[in-house]
Amino acid sequence: MKIMTCKQMGGPCDAQISGSNPQEMLKRGLDNLSLNVDPDHQAALKMMKAMDPDSPEAKQWHADFETKFSQLS
């Protein structure tokens, strides 16, 4: 199990997000954004949902996330 903070994933808080693989961690990160109703979390969630998964920005974010995940111990 690997752990990153919401901030390390691009979110607004220091909540610890865990996952045994990148997909699990991403799902739990999105859950963290969805379950927090404060404006910062909602803005981050809105931005993530609006991002076209095929856009260069989304592909770069995902590649960066995969790299960060693989570097975790």
N, C-alpha and C. Protein backbone atom coordinates (compact mmCIF):
# COMPACT_ATOMS: atom_id res chain seq x y z
N MET A 1 0.85 -1.17 0.00
CA MET A 1 0.00 0.00 0.00
C MET A 1 0.90 1.23 0.00
N LYS A 2 0.62 2.16 -0.89
CA LYS A 2 1.39 3.40 -0.97
C LYS A 2 0.48 4.55 -0.54
N ILE A 3 1.11 5.64 -0.06
CA ILE A 3 0.35 6.78 0.46
C ILE A 3 0.90 8.07 -0.13
N MET A 4 -0.02 8.95 -0.54
CA MET A 4 0.28 10.32 -0.95
C MET A 4 -0.75 11.22 -0.27
N THR A 5 -0.43 12.48 -0.15
CA THR A 5 -1.43 13.42 0.35
C THR A 5 -2.28 13.92 -0.81
N CYS A 6 -3.41 14.45 -0.47
CA CYS A 6 -4.27 15.08 -1.46
C CYS A 6 -3.48 16.16 -2.20
N LYS A 7 -2.70 16.95 -1.47
CA LYS A 7 -1.89 18.01 -2.10
C LYS A 7 -0.89 17.43 -3.09
N GLN A 8 -0.25 16.33 -2.75
CA GLN A 8 0.71 15.71 -3.68
C GLN A 8 0.04 15.28 -4.97
N MET A 9 -1.25 15.01 -4.88
CA MET A 9 -2.01 14.59 -6.06
C MET A 9 -2.61 15.78 -6.79
N GLY A 10 -2.40 16.99 -6.28
CA GLY A 10 -2.93 18.19 -6.92
C GLY A 10 -4.15 18.77 -6.24
N GLY A 11 -4.55 18.20 -5.12
CA GLY A 11 -5.72 18.66 -4.39
C GLY A 11 -5.37 19.71 -3.35
N PRO A 12 -6.36 20.12 -2.53
CA PRO A 12 -6.17 21.23 -1.62
C PRO A 12 -5.83 20.88 -0.16
N CYS A 13 -5.76 19.59 0.21
CA CYS A 13 -5.60 19.30 1.64
C CYS A 13 -4.48 18.30 1.90
N ASP A 14 -4.26 18.03 3.18
CA ASP A 14 -3.21 17.11 3.60
C ASP A 14 -3.73 15.72 3.94
N ALA A 15 -4.95 15.41 3.54
CA ALA A 15 -5.50 14.07 3.79
C ALA A 15 -4.62 13.03 3.12
N GLN A 16 -4.42 11.91 3.80
CA GLN A 16 -3.62 10.84 3.23
C GLN A 16 -4.50 9.94 2.35
N ILE A 17 -4.04 9.75 1.13
CA ILE A 17 -4.74 8.91 0.16
C ILE A 17 -3.87 7.68 -0.06
N SER A 18 -4.46 6.50 0.06
CA SER A 18 -3.67 5.27 -0.09
C SER A 18 -4.20 4.45 -1.26
N GLY A 19 -3.32 3.60 -1.77
CA GLY A 19 -3.71 2.70 -2.83
C GLY A 19 -2.62 1.69 -3.10
N SER A 20 -3.03 0.51 -3.54
CA SER A 20 -2.04 -0.51 -3.86
C SER A 20 -1.59 -0.41 -5.31
N ASN A 21 -2.32 0.39 -6.10
CA ASN A 21 -1.93 0.66 -7.48
C ASN A 21 -2.40 2.06 -7.84
N PRO A 22 -1.91 2.63 -8.94
CA PRO A 22 -2.29 4.01 -9.28
C PRO A 22 -3.79 4.21 -9.45
N GLN A 23 -4.48 3.25 -10.05
CA GLN A 23 -5.92 3.41 -10.28
C GLN A 23 -6.69 3.47 -8.97
N GLU A 24 -6.30 2.63 -8.01
CA GLU A 24 -6.96 2.64 -6.71
C GLU A 24 -6.73 3.98 -6.00
N MET A 25 -5.50 4.47 -6.08
CA MET A 25 -5.19 5.74 -5.43
C MET A 25 -5.95 6.89 -6.10
N LEU A 26 -6.03 6.87 -7.41
CA LEU A 26 -6.78 7.92 -8.11
C LEU A 26 -8.25 7.91 -7.71
N LYS A 27 -8.84 6.71 -7.62
CA LYS A 27 -10.24 6.61 -7.22
C LYS A 27 -10.44 7.17 -5.82
N ARG A 28 -9.55 6.81 -4.90
CA ARG A 28 -9.67 7.30 -3.53
C ARG A 28 -9.41 8.81 -3.45
N GLY A 29 -8.53 9.31 -4.31
CA GLY A 29 -8.32 10.76 -4.37
C GLY A 29 -9.57 11.49 -4.84
N LEU A 30 -10.22 10.95 -5.86
CA LEU A 30 -11.47 11.54 -6.33
C LEU A 30 -12.56 11.43 -5.28
N ASP A 31 -12.58 10.33 -4.55
CA ASP A 31 -13.54 10.18 -3.45
C ASP A 31 -13.32 11.27 -2.40
N ASN A 32 -12.05 11.55 -2.08
CA ASN A 32 -11.74 12.60 -1.12
C ASN A 32 -12.27 13.95 -1.61
N LEU A 33 -12.08 14.24 -2.89
CA LEU A 33 -12.60 15.50 -3.43
C LEU A 33 -14.12 15.54 -3.38
N SER A 34 -14.75 14.43 -3.72
CA SER A 34 -16.21 14.36 -3.78
C SER A 34 -16.86 14.47 -2.40
N LEU A 35 -16.23 13.89 -1.40
CA LEU A 35 -16.84 13.84 -0.07
C LEU A 35 -16.66 15.13 0.73
N ASN A 36 -15.72 15.96 0.32
CA ASN A 36 -15.49 17.24 1.01
C ASN A 36 -16.24 18.34 0.28
N VAL A 37 -17.13 19.00 1.00
CA VAL A 37 -17.99 20.00 0.36
C VAL A 37 -17.43 21.41 0.40
N ASP A 38 -16.22 21.57 0.96
CA ASP A 38 -15.67 22.93 1.01
C ASP A 38 -15.34 23.40 -0.41
N PRO A 39 -15.30 24.71 -0.62
CA PRO A 39 -15.10 25.27 -1.96
C PRO A 39 -13.80 24.81 -2.64
N ASP A 40 -12.72 24.66 -1.89
CA ASP A 40 -11.45 24.25 -2.49
C ASP A 40 -11.54 22.84 -3.09
N HIS A 41 -12.13 21.92 -2.34
CA HIS A 41 -12.28 20.55 -2.85
C HIS A 41 -13.24 20.53 -4.04
N GLN A 42 -14.32 21.27 -3.95
CA GLN A 42 -15.29 21.28 -5.05
C GLN A 42 -14.71 21.88 -6.32
N ALA A 43 -13.87 22.92 -6.17
CA ALA A 43 -13.21 23.52 -7.33
C ALA A 43 -12.25 22.53 -7.98
N ALA A 44 -11.49 21.80 -7.17
CA ALA A 44 -10.55 20.80 -7.70
C ALA A 44 -11.32 19.67 -8.40
N LEU A 45 -12.42 19.24 -7.80
CA LEU A 45 -13.24 18.19 -8.40
C LEU A 45 -13.81 18.65 -9.74
N LYS A 46 -14.31 19.87 -9.78
CA LYS A 46 -14.87 20.42 -11.01
C LYS A 46 -13.81 20.48 -12.11
N MET A 47 -12.60 20.89 -11.75
CA MET A 47 -11.51 20.97 -12.71
C MET A 47 -11.16 19.58 -13.25
N MET A 48 -11.09 18.60 -12.35
CA MET A 48 -10.75 17.23 -12.78
C MET A 48 -11.82 16.66 -13.71
N LYS A 49 -13.08 16.90 -13.38
CA LYS A 49 -14.17 16.36 -14.19
C LYS A 49 -14.25 17.05 -15.55
N ALA A 50 -13.85 18.32 -15.61
CA ALA A 50 -13.91 19.07 -16.86
C ALA A 50 -12.75 18.75 -17.80
N MET A 51 -11.71 18.16 -17.26
CA MET A 51 -10.52 17.89 -18.06
C MET A 51 -10.79 16.77 -19.07
N ASP A 52 -10.49 17.04 -20.31
CA ASP A 52 -10.60 16.02 -21.36
C ASP A 52 -9.48 15.01 -21.16
N PRO A 53 -9.82 13.73 -20.92
CA PRO A 53 -8.79 12.74 -20.65
C PRO A 53 -7.78 12.56 -21.78
N ASP A 54 -8.14 12.98 -22.98
CA ASP A 54 -7.23 12.85 -24.12
C ASP A 54 -6.41 14.12 -24.37
N SER A 55 -6.62 15.14 -23.53
CA SER A 55 -5.88 16.39 -23.72
C SER A 55 -4.42 16.20 -23.30
N PRO A 56 -3.52 17.00 -23.86
CA PRO A 56 -2.11 16.92 -23.47
C PRO A 56 -1.92 17.19 -21.98
N GLU A 57 -2.71 18.08 -21.40
CA GLU A 57 -2.58 18.40 -19.98
C GLU A 57 -2.95 17.19 -19.12
N ALA A 58 -4.04 16.52 -19.48
CA ALA A 58 -4.47 15.35 -18.72
C ALA A 58 -3.45 14.22 -18.85
N LYS A 59 -2.95 14.02 -20.05
CA LYS A 59 -1.96 12.96 -20.26
C LYS A 59 -0.68 13.26 -19.48
N GLN A 60 -0.28 14.53 -19.43
CA GLN A 60 0.92 14.90 -18.68
C GLN A 60 0.69 14.72 -17.18
N TRP A 61 -0.48 15.14 -16.68
CA TRP A 61 -0.78 14.97 -15.26
C TRP A 61 -0.73 13.48 -14.90
N HIS A 62 -1.33 12.65 -15.74
CA HIS A 62 -1.36 11.22 -15.45
C HIS A 62 0.05 10.62 -15.48
N ALA A 63 0.85 11.02 -16.45
CA ALA A 63 2.23 10.52 -16.53
C ALA A 63 3.02 10.94 -15.29
N ASP A 64 2.84 12.20 -14.87
CA ASP A 64 3.53 12.69 -13.67
C ASP A 64 3.07 11.92 -12.43
N PHE A 65 1.77 11.66 -12.35
CA PHE A 65 1.23 10.91 -11.22
C PHE A 65 1.80 9.49 -11.20
N GLU A 66 1.82 8.83 -12.35
CA GLU A 66 2.37 7.47 -12.42
C GLU A 66 3.82 7.45 -11.95
N THR A 67 4.59 8.47 -12.34
CA THR A 67 5.99 8.55 -11.91
C THR A 67 6.08 8.72 -10.41
N LYS A 68 5.29 9.66 -9.85
CA LYS A 68 5.29 9.88 -8.40
C LYS A 68 4.90 8.60 -7.67
N PHE A 69 3.87 7.93 -8.17
CA PHE A 69 3.40 6.70 -7.53
C PHE A 69 4.51 5.64 -7.53
N SER A 70 5.18 5.48 -8.65
CA SER A 70 6.21 4.44 -8.75
C SER A 70 7.41 4.74 -7.85
N GLN A 71 7.61 6.00 -7.52
CA GLN A 71 8.74 6.39 -6.66
C GLN A 71 8.43 6.25 -5.17
N LEU A 72 7.17 6.03 -4.83
CA LEU A 72 6.80 5.86 -3.42
C LEU A 72 7.30 4.53 -2.91
N SER A 73 7.65 4.51 -1.62
CA SER A 73 8.08 3.23 -1.04
C SER A 73 6.94 2.51 -0.37
